[in-house]
Protein backbone atom coordinates (compact mmCIF):
# COMPACT_ATOMS: atom_id res chain seq x y z
CA MET A 1 123.84 60.68 116.90
CA THR A 2 122.58 57.47 115.56
CA GLU A 3 120.53 56.85 112.35
CA ASN A 4 117.36 56.42 114.41
CA HIS A 5 118.08 59.98 116.37
CA GLN A 6 118.77 61.70 112.76
CA ARG A 7 115.63 59.95 111.19
CA ALA A 8 113.53 61.56 114.22
CA LEU A 9 114.97 64.87 113.74
CA TYR A 10 114.37 64.96 110.14
CA VAL A 11 110.74 63.92 110.86
CA ILE A 12 110.19 66.55 113.14
CA GLY A 13 111.89 69.06 111.24
CA GLY A 14 109.60 67.93 108.09
CA VAL A 15 106.38 68.09 110.56
CA ALA A 16 107.13 71.44 111.72
CA ALA A 17 107.70 72.73 108.26
CA LEU A 18 104.31 71.51 107.07
CA LEU A 19 102.83 72.78 109.85
CA THR A 20 104.23 76.42 108.98
CA VAL A 21 102.91 76.36 105.64
CA LEU A 22 99.48 75.10 106.91
CA ASN A 23 99.68 78.06 109.39
CA GLY A 24 100.40 80.35 106.48
CA LEU A 25 97.61 79.16 104.34
CA ALA A 26 95.01 79.51 107.46
CA GLU A 27 96.14 82.95 107.64
CA ILE A 28 95.67 83.88 104.11
CA GLY A 29 92.50 82.05 104.31
CA ILE A 30 91.15 84.06 107.58
CA THR A 31 91.97 87.41 106.11
CA PHE A 32 89.51 86.40 103.36
CA LEU A 33 86.87 85.51 105.49
CA PRO A 34 84.20 88.07 106.20
CA GLY A 35 85.64 90.55 108.90
CA GLY A 36 89.03 88.79 108.77
CA GLY A 37 90.66 91.74 107.28
CA MET A 38 89.92 94.07 110.15
CA SER A 39 93.61 94.14 111.64
CA GLY A 40 94.41 97.92 112.18
CA ASP A 41 90.87 99.15 111.86
CA SER A 42 90.22 98.81 115.46
CA SER A 43 91.74 101.81 117.35
CA THR A 44 89.97 102.16 120.32
CA ALA A 45 89.80 100.12 123.40
CA VAL A 46 85.90 99.95 123.04
CA ASP A 47 86.45 98.43 119.38
CA TRP A 48 88.86 95.73 120.82
CA PHE A 49 86.51 94.93 123.36
CA THR A 50 83.66 94.71 120.81
CA LEU A 51 85.64 92.65 118.66
CA PHE A 52 86.59 90.07 121.80
CA ARG A 53 82.89 89.93 122.79
CA ASN A 54 81.76 89.17 119.28
CA SER A 55 84.37 87.06 118.13
CA PRO A 56 87.39 86.25 120.38
CA PHE A 57 89.45 84.19 117.76
CA MET A 58 89.22 87.24 115.30
CA GLY A 59 90.11 89.46 118.30
CA LEU A 60 93.10 86.94 119.04
CA ARG A 61 94.14 86.60 115.69
CA ASN A 62 94.46 90.39 114.97
CA LEU A 63 96.73 90.56 117.74
CA GLY A 64 98.68 88.07 116.04
CA LEU A 65 98.07 84.76 117.54
CA LEU A 66 98.80 82.75 114.36
CA ASN A 67 101.86 84.63 113.80
CA ILE A 68 103.09 83.47 117.26
CA PHE A 69 102.56 80.27 116.17
CA PHE A 70 103.98 80.63 112.80
CA THR A 71 107.04 82.01 114.86
CA VAL A 72 107.35 79.37 117.00
CA LEU A 73 107.32 76.82 114.18
């Protein structure tokens, strides 16, 4: 590998590491929002549909959307 390729790889790795930290902080921040700590509280299908109707992002978050991004990074 040439020096330019190595440098690009280091930059990509550094950006991925920073995005991972930001994603973790976002997960913590969202959990502290009102209604953010509801994961596990919705036990019936009606509760999940109500959550998705009221807040699609929180519904996806409670299903692990941010954890999927975290794993990919």
